[in-house]
Amino acid sequence: MLHKALLWIGFFGFFSLALTQSYIRTQTTILGYEVGRLKTQEIELLKKRSLLTMEIAKLTTKESLLSLLEQKSKPGETHDSTE
């Protein structure tokens, strides 16, 4: 009787370990896919940041700012604050 009980305990212990190992492998795989997805997203965001940085650099050059000022100036308007 004790022999059968120990056999069942051993079987359930082994079964529990096998399920735990399967669960851990599944979770590791899921985390691996998530890391891959996040790395792809990081690359896309870094590209966008780079493009925006270049756009800011282009827009804030002296020539660009003067051009924008000239385009917004209309005949008869002055931007002098002393008037």
Protein backbone atom coordinates (compact mmCIF):
# COMPACT_ATOMS: atom_id res chain seq x y z
CA MET A 1 0.00 0.00 0.00
CA LEU A 2 2.79 2.42 0.90
CA HIS A 3 4.60 1.40 -2.26
CA LYS A 4 1.56 2.36 -4.41
CA ALA A 5 1.18 5.69 -2.61
CA LEU A 6 4.85 6.53 -3.18
CA LEU A 7 4.48 5.52 -6.82
CA TRP A 8 1.51 7.85 -7.28
CA ILE A 9 3.29 10.69 -5.47
CA GLY A 10 6.31 10.19 -7.71
CA PHE A 11 4.11 10.11 -10.82
CA PHE A 12 2.30 13.32 -9.88
CA GLY A 13 5.60 14.95 -8.92
CA PHE A 14 7.11 14.07 -12.28
CA PHE A 15 3.93 15.20 -14.07
CA SER A 16 4.00 18.52 -12.17
CA LEU A 17 7.64 19.09 -13.11
CA ALA A 18 6.89 18.32 -16.76
CA LEU A 19 3.98 20.80 -16.78
CA THR A 20 6.11 23.43 -15.08
CA GLN A 21 8.89 22.97 -17.63
CA SER A 22 6.39 23.21 -20.49
CA TYR A 23 4.91 26.38 -18.99
CA ILE A 24 8.33 27.98 -18.56
CA ARG A 25 9.32 27.15 -22.17
CA THR A 26 6.05 28.59 -23.48
CA GLN A 27 6.46 31.78 -21.47
CA THR A 28 10.07 32.12 -22.62
CA THR A 29 8.99 31.78 -26.25
CA ILE A 30 6.23 34.36 -25.79
CA LEU A 31 8.69 36.76 -24.16
CA GLY A 32 11.13 36.20 -27.03
CA TYR A 33 8.50 37.19 -29.57
CA GLU A 34 7.61 40.25 -27.50
CA VAL A 35 11.28 41.30 -27.33
CA GLY A 36 11.53 40.92 -31.11
CA ARG A 37 8.40 43.03 -31.63
CA LEU A 38 9.68 45.73 -29.27
CA LYS A 39 13.08 45.82 -31.01
CA THR A 40 11.34 46.34 -34.34
CA GLN A 41 9.26 49.13 -32.81
CA GLU A 42 12.41 50.68 -31.33
CA ILE A 43 14.07 50.73 -34.77
CA GLU A 44 11.02 52.41 -36.31
CA LEU A 45 10.90 55.02 -33.54
CA LEU A 46 14.62 55.75 -33.85
CA LYS A 47 14.20 56.29 -37.61
CA LYS A 48 11.30 58.68 -36.98
CA ARG A 49 13.32 60.56 -34.37
CA SER A 50 16.23 60.86 -36.77
CA LEU A 51 13.96 62.20 -39.53
CA LEU A 52 12.37 64.70 -37.15
CA THR A 53 15.78 65.84 -35.91
CA MET A 54 16.90 66.43 -39.49
CA GLU A 55 13.66 68.32 -40.21
CA ILE A 56 14.19 70.55 -37.16
CA ALA A 57 17.78 71.22 -38.22
CA LYS A 58 16.59 72.12 -41.71
CA LEU A 59 13.80 74.40 -40.46
CA THR A 60 15.93 76.23 -37.91
CA THR A 61 18.70 77.32 -40.24
CA LYS A 62 19.08 81.06 -40.61
CA GLU A 63 18.18 80.93 -44.30
CA SER A 64 15.05 78.89 -43.65
CA LEU A 65 13.87 81.19 -40.88
CA LEU A 66 14.45 84.28 -43.02
CA SER A 67 12.58 82.66 -45.89
CA LEU A 68 9.62 81.88 -43.64
CA LEU A 69 9.62 85.44 -42.35
CA GLU A 70 9.61 86.81 -45.89
CA GLN A 71 6.76 84.51 -46.90
CA LYS A 72 4.61 85.60 -43.96
CA SER A 73 5.28 89.28 -44.56
CA LYS A 74 2.48 90.93 -46.52
CA PRO A 75 2.65 94.30 -48.29
CA GLY A 76 1.75 97.13 -45.93
CA GLU A 77 2.55 95.15 -42.80
CA THR A 78 5.55 95.84 -40.67
CA HIS A 79 7.08 93.71 -38.00
CA ASP A 80 8.70 96.66 -36.26
CA SER A 81 7.60 96.86 -32.63
CA THR A 82 8.30 100.63 -32.40
CA GLU A 83 5.19 101.58 -34.39
